Amino acid sequence: MTKARRLCLALVLAMGLGGVLPAAEAGFEQQFSAWFSLNDENSSTPRLGLRYQPALSLATALGLGDAWKLDSEFSLDLSASAQAADWHAPETSGRIRFYRMWLRLAGSRFEARLGLQKINFGSAAVFRPLMWFDRVDARDPTQYSEGVYAALARYVTTGNTSVSGWAMYGNDEVRGWDAMPTESGKPEFGGRVQSRMPRGDVAVTYHRRRVDTAAFAGGPLDSIANHRFGAGQRRKSSSRRANLYVSTQLSDEIIVSGRPLQE
């Protein structure tokens, strides 16, 4: 998504909050992290990195009953890094960009969220077959993950079945398990149904996008659609001593092309 579109989205979200800001509850959080690495080779290269993330949150009750509220989060990601081969000629880089920027309407069983947000699901922590839209590293204590520009809606039934649907646009970078980026200017969509079972829960997930084939050998292909399916089950076994949680997930990816691959 271009800078102009990001600014337009920020303006739209700010205008959406304009009418309720006087009655909103505000919160401000900050997170700072730093890292340093040094190899033990003859020609060592020290590396240093810094990251600062300020976040502003706003929330207000709408007075419509059923605990309806309107809330939002605006946060930035400011990072800088430096390295010096053999402790000479240091190279530095840095960037500032939006980290989260979303507006949400939520009730007791329904929510709709628009903007730059984090979308993830599945119970696994290390090997995550359903890591489709994030790149969370299990070893990272900050759980840093870039967001996606999306509109998401979720409804939870009285039987605790969760039904979610989303549409995405402007996410041109490789995410999660993607082998290729999404084609620029093309929307994506998907959904997920998760249901409670007597000894755990089960879920099925689907996502569709169009793939950017510019990196294919032999030149780019014609229209390619990427269909991704996922299924997961989390089972709980109770005993006198402990509870055992077992998670099994299956993720399959099918690529359909308008013409065969070129040799």
C-alpha atoms as a PDB file:
ATOM      1  CA  MET A   1       0.000   0.000   0.000  1.00  0.00           C
ATOM      2  CA  THR A   2       1.379   3.388  -0.996  1.00  0.00           C
ATOM      3  CA  LYS A   3       2.118   6.159   1.487  1.00  0.00           C
ATOM      4  CA  ALA A   4      -0.746   8.250   0.132  1.00  0.00           C
ATOM      5  CA  ARG A   5      -3.236   5.428   0.738  1.00  0.00           C
ATOM      6  CA  ARG A   6      -1.887   4.870   4.240  1.00  0.00           C
ATOM      7  CA  LEU A   7      -2.396   8.541   5.049  1.00  0.00           C
ATOM      8  CA  CYS A   8      -5.912   8.432   3.596  1.00  0.00           C
ATOM      9  CA  LEU A   9      -6.737   5.422   5.759  1.00  0.00           C
ATOM     10  CA  ALA A  10      -5.404   7.183   8.838  1.00  0.00           C
ATOM     11  CA  LEU A  11      -7.541  10.222   8.010  1.00  0.00           C
ATOM     12  CA  VAL A  12     -10.683   8.092   7.553  1.00  0.00           C
ATOM     13  CA  LEU A  13     -10.152   6.331  10.877  1.00  0.00           C
ATOM     14  CA  ALA A  14      -9.486   9.625  12.646  1.00  0.00           C
ATOM     15  CA  MET A  15     -12.696  11.094  11.195  1.00  0.00           C
ATOM     16  CA  GLY A  16     -14.575   8.014  12.379  1.00  0.00           C
ATOM     17  CA  LEU A  17     -13.454   8.754  15.925  1.00  0.00           C
ATOM     18  CA  GLY A  18     -14.016  12.489  15.661  1.00  0.00           C
ATOM     19  CA  GLY A  19     -17.573  12.376  16.918  1.00  0.00           C
ATOM     20  CA  VAL A  20     -16.819  10.295  20.009  1.00  0.00           C
ATOM     21  CA  LEU A  21     -13.391  11.547  21.079  1.00  0.00           C
ATOM     22  CA  PRO A  22     -14.720  13.878  23.805  1.00  0.00           C
ATOM     23  CA  ALA A  23     -16.175  10.865  25.678  1.00  0.00           C
ATOM     24  CA  ALA A  24     -13.396   8.391  24.857  1.00  0.00           C
ATOM     25  CA  GLU A  25     -11.037   6.765  27.323  1.00  0.00           C
ATOM     26  CA  ALA A  26      -7.430   7.102  26.204  1.00  0.00           C
ATOM     27  CA  GLY A  27      -4.444   4.903  26.939  1.00  0.00           C
ATOM     28  CA  PHE A  28      -0.794   5.200  25.996  1.00  0.00           C
ATOM     29  CA  GLU A  29       1.810   2.424  26.004  1.00  0.00           C
ATOM     30  CA  GLN A  30       5.437   2.271  24.949  1.00  0.00           C
ATOM     31  CA  GLN A  31       7.750  -0.584  24.127  1.00  0.00           C
ATOM     32  CA  PHE A  32      11.506  -0.358  23.653  1.00  0.00           C
ATOM     33  CA  SER A  33      13.802  -3.196  22.608  1.00  0.00           C
ATOM     34  CA  ALA A  34      17.457  -3.492  21.663  1.00  0.00           C
ATOM     35  CA  TRP A  35      19.722  -6.265  20.466  1.00  0.00           C
ATOM     36  CA  PHE A  36      23.427  -6.790  19.827  1.00  0.00           C
ATOM     37  CA  SER A  37      25.284  -9.627  18.079  1.00  0.00           C
ATOM     38  CA  LEU A  38      28.956 -10.380  17.443  1.00  0.00           C
ATOM     39  CA  ASN A  39      30.394 -13.356  15.579  1.00  0.00           C
ATOM     40  CA  ASP A  40      33.620 -15.112  16.588  1.00  0.00           C
ATOM     41  CA  GLU A  41      35.255 -15.159  13.152  1.00  0.00           C
ATOM     42  CA  ASN A  42      38.630 -13.572  12.438  1.00  0.00           C
ATOM     43  CA  SER A  43      36.887 -10.655  10.770  1.00  0.00           C
ATOM     44  CA  SER A  44      34.104 -10.013  13.255  1.00  0.00           C
ATOM     45  CA  THR A  45      31.094  -7.847  12.455  1.00  0.00           C
ATOM     46  CA  PRO A  46      29.179  -6.298  15.365  1.00  0.00           C
ATOM     47  CA  ARG A  47      25.488  -5.599  14.782  1.00  0.00           C
ATOM     48  CA  LEU A  48      23.249  -3.361  16.848  1.00  0.00           C
ATOM     49  CA  GLY A  49      19.504  -2.773  16.567  1.00  0.00           C
ATOM     50  CA  LEU A  50      16.984  -0.544  18.339  1.00  0.00           C
ATOM     51  CA  ARG A  51      13.175  -0.491  18.155  1.00  0.00           C
ATOM     52  CA  TYR A  52      10.660   1.880  19.767  1.00  0.00           C
ATOM     53  CA  GLN A  53       6.883   1.432  19.520  1.00  0.00           C
ATOM     54  CA  PRO A  54       4.528   4.058  21.001  1.00  0.00           C
ATOM     55  CA  ALA A  55       0.831   3.110  20.964  1.00  0.00           C
ATOM     56  CA  LEU A  56      -2.259   5.258  21.558  1.00  0.00           C
ATOM     57  CA  SER A  57      -5.594   3.526  22.255  1.00  0.00           C
ATOM     58  CA  LEU A  58      -9.058   5.117  22.410  1.00  0.00           C
ATOM     59  CA  ALA A  59     -12.324   3.514  23.523  1.00  0.00           C
ATOM     60  CA  THR A  60     -15.852   4.751  24.151  1.00  0.00           C
ATOM     61  CA  ALA A  61     -19.202   3.140  24.976  1.00  0.00           C
ATOM     62  CA  LEU A  62     -21.931   3.849  22.426  1.00  0.00           C
ATOM     63  CA  GLY A  63     -24.880   3.512  24.781  1.00  0.00           C
ATOM     64  CA  LEU A  64     -26.733   1.179  22.387  1.00  0.00           C
ATOM     65  CA  GLY A  65     -27.065  -1.729  24.795  1.00  0.00           C
ATOM     66  CA  ASP A  66     -25.431  -5.147  24.589  1.00  0.00           C
ATOM     67  CA  ALA A  67     -22.104  -3.571  25.632  1.00  0.00           C
ATOM     68  CA  TRP A  68     -21.501  -1.932  22.238  1.00  0.00           C
ATOM     69  CA  LYS A  69     -18.319   0.115  22.054  1.00  0.00           C
ATOM     70  CA  LEU A  70     -16.058   1.823  19.548  1.00  0.00           C
ATOM     71  CA  ASP A  71     -12.311   1.560  20.044  1.00  0.00           C
ATOM     72  CA  SER A  72      -9.114   2.014  18.076  1.00  0.00           C
ATOM     73  CA  GLU A  73      -5.340   1.730  18.218  1.00  0.00           C
ATOM     74  CA  PHE A  74      -2.689   3.852  16.529  1.00  0.00           C
ATOM     75  CA  SER A  75       0.937   2.798  16.928  1.00  0.00           C
ATOM     76  CA  LEU A  76       4.236   3.453  15.165  1.00  0.00           C
ATOM     77  CA  ASP A  77       7.272   1.282  14.558  1.00  0.00           C
ATOM     78  CA  LEU A  78      10.559   3.218  14.746  1.00  0.00           C
ATOM     79  CA  SER A  79      13.641   1.093  14.169  1.00  0.00           C
ATOM     80  CA  ALA A  80      17.351   1.659  13.563  1.00  0.00           C
ATOM     81  CA  SER A  81      20.240  -0.719  12.948  1.00  0.00           C
ATOM     82  CA  ALA A  82      23.996  -0.512  12.453  1.00  0.00           C
ATOM     83  CA  GLN A  83      26.794  -2.892  11.537  1.00  0.00           C
ATOM     84  CA  ALA A  84      30.542  -2.510  11.044  1.00  0.00           C
ATOM     85  CA  ALA A  85      32.564  -5.106   9.162  1.00  0.00           C
ATOM     86  CA  ASP A  86      35.758  -5.805  11.124  1.00  0.00           C
ATOM     87  CA  TRP A  87      34.810  -2.834  13.351  1.00  0.00           C
ATOM     88  CA  HIS A  88      35.355  -0.364  10.499  1.00  0.00           C
ATOM     89  CA  ALA A  89      33.156   1.669   8.142  1.00  0.00           C
ATOM     90  CA  PRO A  90      29.875   1.379  10.028  1.00  0.00           C
ATOM     91  CA  GLU A  91      26.675   1.155   7.997  1.00  0.00           C
ATOM     92  CA  THR A  92      23.412   2.454   9.454  1.00  0.00           C
ATOM     93  CA  SER A  93      19.768   2.310   8.441  1.00  0.00           C
ATOM     94  CA  GLY A  94      16.426   3.244   9.933  1.00  0.00           C
ATOM     95  CA  ARG A  95      12.723   3.554   9.166  1.00  0.00           C
ATOM     96  CA  ILE A  96       9.456   4.868  10.583  1.00  0.00           C
ATOM     97  CA  ARG A  97       6.107   3.366   9.646  1.00  0.00           C
ATOM     98  CA  PHE A  98       2.681   2.493  10.997  1.00  0.00           C
ATOM     99  CA  TYR A  99       2.591  -0.665  13.132  1.00  0.00           C
ATOM    100  CA  ARG A 100      -1.131  -0.792  14.017  1.00  0.00           C
ATOM    101  CA  MET A 101      -3.888   1.525  12.820  1.00  0.00           C
ATOM    102  CA  TRP A 102      -7.410   0.166  13.198  1.00  0.00           C
ATOM    103  CA  LEU A 103     -10.949   1.101  14.221  1.00  0.00           C
ATOM    104  CA  ARG A 104     -13.323  -1.467  15.746  1.00  0.00           C
ATOM    105  CA  LEU A 105     -17.026  -1.703  16.503  1.00  0.00           C
ATOM    106  CA  ALA A 106     -17.643  -4.429  19.070  1.00  0.00           C
ATOM    107  CA  GLY A 107     -20.519  -5.926  21.030  1.00  0.00           C
ATOM    108  CA  SER A 108     -20.867  -8.969  23.261  1.00  0.00           C
ATOM    109  CA  ARG A 109     -20.971 -11.420  20.315  1.00  0.00           C
ATOM    110  CA  PHE A 110     -19.942  -9.376  17.267  1.00  0.00           C
ATOM    111  CA  GLU A 111     -16.994  -7.263  16.191  1.00  0.00           C
ATOM    112  CA  ALA A 112     -15.973  -5.502  12.983  1.00  0.00           C
ATOM    113  CA  ARG A 113     -12.457  -4.104  12.609  1.00  0.00           C
ATOM    114  CA  LEU A 114     -10.985  -2.012   9.793  1.00  0.00           C
ATOM    115  CA  GLY A 115      -7.385  -0.962   9.171  1.00  0.00           C
ATOM    116  CA  LEU A 116      -3.828  -2.148   9.739  1.00  0.00           C
ATOM    117  CA  GLN A 117      -4.196  -5.033  12.177  1.00  0.00           C
ATOM    118  CA  LYS A 118      -2.822  -8.381  13.284  1.00  0.00           C
ATOM    119  CA  ILE A 119      -4.729 -11.467  12.130  1.00  0.00           C
ATOM    120  CA  ASN A 120      -3.606 -14.857  13.374  1.00  0.00           C
ATOM    121  CA  PHE A 121      -5.190 -18.067  14.569  1.00  0.00           C
ATOM    122  CA  GLY A 122      -4.289 -21.599  15.612  1.00  0.00           C
ATOM    123  CA  SER A 123      -3.042 -22.903  18.937  1.00  0.00           C
ATOM    124  CA  ALA A 124       0.511 -23.864  17.901  1.00  0.00           C
ATOM    125  CA  ALA A 125       3.420 -21.736  19.132  1.00  0.00           C
ATOM    126  CA  VAL A 126       6.580 -23.068  17.419  1.00  0.00           C
ATOM    127  CA  PHE A 127       5.596 -24.894  14.210  1.00  0.00           C
ATOM    128  CA  ARG A 128       2.515 -23.047  12.961  1.00  0.00           C
ATOM    129  CA  PRO A 129       0.905 -24.420   9.769  1.00  0.00           C
ATOM    130  CA  LEU A 130      -1.700 -21.630   9.983  1.00  0.00           C
ATOM    131  CA  MET A 131       0.860 -18.806  10.071  1.00  0.00           C
ATOM    132  CA  TRP A 132      -0.643 -17.155   7.002  1.00  0.00           C
ATOM    133  CA  PHE A 133      -0.618 -13.425   7.798  1.00  0.00           C
ATOM    134  CA  ASP A 134       2.147 -12.939  10.370  1.00  0.00           C
ATOM    135  CA  ARG A 135       5.721 -13.944  11.097  1.00  0.00           C
ATOM    136  CA  VAL A 136       5.785 -14.188  14.879  1.00  0.00           C
ATOM    137  CA  ASP A 137       9.013 -15.768  16.122  1.00  0.00           C
ATOM    138  CA  ALA A 138       8.395 -18.001  19.153  1.00  0.00           C
ATOM    139  CA  ARG A 139      11.821 -16.971  20.488  1.00  0.00           C
ATOM    140  CA  ASP A 140      11.001 -13.255  20.383  1.00  0.00           C
ATOM    141  CA  PRO A 141       9.781 -12.039  23.802  1.00  0.00           C
ATOM    142  CA  THR A 142       8.150  -8.967  22.185  1.00  0.00           C
ATOM    143  CA  GLN A 143       6.129 -11.134  19.717  1.00  0.00           C
ATOM    144  CA  TYR A 144       6.779  -8.559  16.979  1.00  0.00           C
ATOM    145  CA  SER A 145       4.731  -9.060  13.821  1.00  0.00           C
ATOM    146  CA  GLU A 146       3.860  -6.736  10.962  1.00  0.00           C
ATOM    147  CA  GLY A 147       0.142  -6.235  10.375  1.00  0.00           C
ATOM    148  CA  VAL A 148      -2.048  -6.461   7.283  1.00  0.00           C
ATOM    149  CA  TYR A 149      -4.521  -3.969   5.816  1.00  0.00           C
ATOM    150  CA  ALA A 150      -7.875  -5.687   6.187  1.00  0.00           C
ATOM    151  CA  ALA A 151     -11.550  -5.511   7.117  1.00  0.00           C
ATOM    152  CA  LEU A 152     -12.519  -8.299   9.512  1.00  0.00           C
ATOM    153  CA  ALA A 153     -15.884  -9.321  10.978  1.00  0.00           C
ATOM    154  CA  ARG A 154     -16.463 -11.995  13.631  1.00  0.00           C
ATOM    155  CA  TYR A 155     -19.638 -13.383  15.216  1.00  0.00           C
ATOM    156  CA  VAL A 156     -19.882 -15.830  18.125  1.00  0.00           C
ATOM    157  CA  THR A 157     -23.090 -17.853  18.433  1.00  0.00           C
ATOM    158  CA  THR A 158     -24.774 -18.837  21.683  1.00  0.00           C
ATOM    159  CA  GLY A 159     -23.194 -22.275  21.248  1.00  0.00           C
ATOM    160  CA  ASN A 160     -19.687 -20.726  21.215  1.00  0.00           C
ATOM    161  CA  THR A 161     -19.161 -21.265  17.484  1.00  0.00           C
ATOM    162  CA  SER A 162     -17.052 -18.467  16.023  1.00  0.00           C
ATOM    163  CA  VAL A 163     -17.587 -17.410  12.398  1.00  0.00           C
ATOM    164  CA  SER A 164     -15.062 -14.953  10.894  1.00  0.00           C
ATOM    165  CA  GLY A 165     -14.649 -13.383   7.487  1.00  0.00           C
ATOM    166  CA  TRP A 166     -12.087 -10.928   6.113  1.00  0.00           C
ATOM    167  CA  ALA A 167     -11.099  -8.986   3.036  1.00  0.00           C
ATOM    168  CA  MET A 168      -7.592  -7.597   2.432  1.00  0.00           C
ATOM    169  CA  TYR A 169      -6.105  -5.053   0.065  1.00  0.00           C
ATOM    170  CA  GLY A 170      -2.706  -3.415  -0.363  1.00  0.00           C
ATOM    171  CA  ASN A 171      -0.590  -6.191   1.185  1.00  0.00           C
ATOM    172  CA  ASP A 172       2.086  -6.736  -1.451  1.00  0.00           C
ATOM    173  CA  GLU A 173       4.846  -8.237   0.734  1.00  0.00           C
ATOM    174  CA  VAL A 174       5.530 -11.904   1.457  1.00  0.00           C
ATOM    175  CA  ARG A 175       3.846 -13.006   4.702  1.00  0.00           C
ATOM    176  CA  GLY A 176       3.965 -16.111   6.848  1.00  0.00           C
ATOM    177  CA  TRP A 177       4.392 -19.224   4.711  1.00  0.00           C
ATOM    178  CA  ASP A 178       3.934 -17.366   1.403  1.00  0.00           C
ATOM    179  CA  ALA A 179       6.416 -18.413  -1.277  1.00  0.00           C
ATOM    180  CA  MET A 180       5.445 -15.483  -3.513  1.00  0.00           C
ATOM    181  CA  PRO A 181       3.907 -12.069  -2.821  1.00  0.00           C
ATOM    182  CA  THR A 182       0.336 -11.094  -3.611  1.00  0.00           C
ATOM    183  CA  GLU A 183      -0.299  -9.418  -6.945  1.00  0.00           C
ATOM    184  CA  SER A 184      -0.394  -5.648  -6.509  1.00  0.00           C
ATOM    185  CA  GLY A 185      -3.829  -4.045  -6.704  1.00  0.00           C
ATOM    186  CA  LYS A 186      -5.720  -7.315  -6.221  1.00  0.00           C
ATOM    187  CA  PRO A 187      -7.990  -7.961  -3.204  1.00  0.00           C
ATOM    188  CA  GLU A 188      -7.886 -11.064  -1.015  1.00  0.00           C
ATOM    189  CA  PHE A 189     -10.594 -12.685   1.063  1.00  0.00           C
ATOM    190  CA  GLY A 190     -11.165 -15.619   3.374  1.00  0.00           C
ATOM    191  CA  GLY A 191     -12.980 -16.964   6.397  1.00  0.00           C
ATOM    192  CA  ARG A 192     -12.816 -19.277   9.383  1.00  0.00           C
ATOM    193  CA  VAL A 193     -15.306 -21.319  11.413  1.00  0.00           C
ATOM    194  CA  GLN A 194     -14.308 -22.580  14.850  1.00  0.00           C
ATOM    195  CA  SER A 195     -16.626 -24.730  16.957  1.00  0.00           C
ATOM    196  CA  ARG A 196     -16.432 -25.954  20.547  1.00  0.00           C
ATOM    197  CA  MET A 197     -16.394 -29.737  21.024  1.00  0.00           C
ATOM    198  CA  PRO A 198     -16.919 -31.792  24.211  1.00  0.00           C
ATOM    199  CA  ARG A 199     -13.144 -32.227  24.693  1.00  0.00           C
ATOM    200  CA  GLY A 200     -11.664 -29.305  22.762  1.00  0.00           C
ATOM    201  CA  ASP A 201     -12.483 -27.460  19.557  1.00  0.00           C
ATOM    202  CA  VAL A 202     -12.178 -27.844  15.794  1.00  0.00           C
ATOM    203  CA  ALA A 203     -11.754 -25.213  13.064  1.00  0.00           C
ATOM    204  CA  VAL A 204     -11.589 -24.896   9.270  1.00  0.00           C
ATOM    205  CA  THR A 205     -10.010 -21.921   7.485  1.00  0.00           C
ATOM    206  CA  TYR A 206      -9.873 -20.721   3.870  1.00  0.00           C
ATOM    207  CA  HIS A 207      -8.086 -17.857   2.098  1.00  0.00           C
ATOM    208  CA  ARG A 208      -7.884 -16.822  -1.555  1.00  0.00           C
ATOM    209  CA  ARG A 209      -5.506 -14.410  -3.249  1.00  0.00           C
ATOM    210  CA  ARG A 210      -3.875 -13.749  -6.610  1.00  0.00           C
ATOM    211  CA  VAL A 211      -0.140 -14.394  -6.846  1.00  0.00           C
ATOM    212  CA  ASP A 212       2.535 -12.118  -8.297  1.00  0.00           C
ATOM    213  CA  THR A 213       4.394 -14.387 -10.751  1.00  0.00           C
ATOM    214  CA  ALA A 214       7.117 -11.932 -11.771  1.00  0.00           C
ATOM    215  CA  ALA A 215       9.755 -14.077 -10.004  1.00  0.00           C
ATOM    216  CA  PHE A 216       8.869 -17.261 -11.927  1.00  0.00           C
ATOM    217  CA  ALA A 217      11.597 -18.733 -14.119  1.00  0.00           C
ATOM    218  CA  GLY A 218      10.780 -18.240 -17.772  1.00  0.00           C
ATOM    219  CA  GLY A 219       8.875 -15.043 -17.171  1.00  0.00           C
ATOM    220  CA  PRO A 220       5.616 -14.173 -15.464  1.00  0.00           C
ATOM    221  CA  LEU A 221       2.539 -16.321 -16.003  1.00  0.00           C
ATOM    222  CA  ASP A 222      -1.016 -15.303 -16.706  1.00  0.00           C
ATOM    223  CA  SER A 223      -3.717 -15.214 -14.072  1.00  0.00           C
ATOM    224  CA  ILE A 224      -2.868 -17.356 -11.038  1.00  0.00           C
ATOM    225  CA  ALA A 225      -5.170 -17.852  -8.064  1.00  0.00           C
ATOM    226  CA  ASN A 226      -3.884 -19.190  -4.772  1.00  0.00           C
ATOM    227  CA  HIS A 227      -6.388 -21.152  -2.641  1.00  0.00           C
ATOM    228  CA  ARG A 228      -5.290 -22.059   0.860  1.00  0.00           C
ATOM    229  CA  PHE A 229      -7.148 -24.417   3.172  1.00  0.00           C
ATOM    230  CA  GLY A 230      -6.472 -25.159   6.823  1.00  0.00           C
ATOM    231  CA  ALA A 231      -8.000 -27.485   9.427  1.00  0.00           C
ATOM    232  CA  GLY A 232      -7.125 -27.691  13.088  1.00  0.00           C
ATOM    233  CA  GLN A 233      -8.196 -29.550  16.200  1.00  0.00           C
ATOM    234  CA  ARG A 234      -7.298 -28.897  19.803  1.00  0.00           C
ATOM    235  CA  ARG A 235      -8.094 -31.749  22.175  1.00  0.00           C
ATOM    236  CA  LYS A 236      -8.096 -31.643  25.942  1.00  0.00           C
ATOM    237  CA  SER A 237      -7.562 -34.765  28.041  1.00  0.00           C
ATOM    238  CA  SER A 238      -8.303 -34.546  31.745  1.00  0.00           C
ATOM    239  CA  SER A 239      -6.723 -36.683  34.467  1.00  0.00           C
ATOM    240  CA  ARG A 240      -6.148 -36.439  38.166  1.00  0.00           C
ATOM    241  CA  ARG A 241      -2.575 -35.253  37.714  1.00  0.00           C
ATOM    242  CA  ALA A 242      -2.595 -32.855  34.791  1.00  0.00           C
ATOM    243  CA  ASN A 243      -4.363 -31.639  31.678  1.00  0.00           C
ATOM    244  CA  LEU A 244      -2.872 -32.601  28.325  1.00  0.00           C
ATOM    245  CA  TYR A 245      -3.469 -30.375  25.286  1.00  0.00           C
ATOM    246  CA  VAL A 246      -2.867 -31.914  21.862  1.00  0.00           C
ATOM    247  CA  SER A 247      -3.012 -29.751  18.721  1.00  0.00           C
ATOM    248  CA  THR A 248      -3.071 -31.102  15.160  1.00  0.00           C
ATOM    249  CA  GLN A 249      -3.319 -28.846  12.127  1.00  0.00           C
ATOM    250  CA  LEU A 250      -3.244 -29.398   8.381  1.00  0.00           C
ATOM    251  CA  SER A 251      -2.557 -26.685   5.830  1.00  0.00           C
ATOM    252  CA  ASP A 252      -2.664 -27.304   2.098  1.00  0.00           C
ATOM    253  CA  GLU A 253      -1.984 -24.877  -0.760  1.00  0.00           C
ATOM    254  CA  ILE A 254      -3.333 -25.302  -4.298  1.00  0.00           C
ATOM    255  CA  ILE A 255      -2.184 -23.110  -7.196  1.00  0.00           C
ATOM    256  CA  VAL A 256      -4.454 -22.879 -10.225  1.00  0.00           C
ATOM    257  CA  SER A 257      -2.926 -21.313 -13.356  1.00  0.00           C
ATOM    258  CA  GLY A 258      -4.492 -19.990 -16.518  1.00  0.00           C
ATOM    259  CA  ARG A 259      -1.818 -21.786 -18.541  1.00  0.00           C
ATOM    260  CA  PRO A 260       0.832 -24.457 -17.761  1.00  0.00           C
ATOM    261  CA  LEU A 261       4.248 -23.593 -16.362  1.00  0.00           C
ATOM    262  CA  GLN A 262       6.922 -22.830 -18.933  1.00  0.00           C
ATOM    263  CA  GLU A 263      10.016 -25.027 -18.969  1.00  0.00           C
END
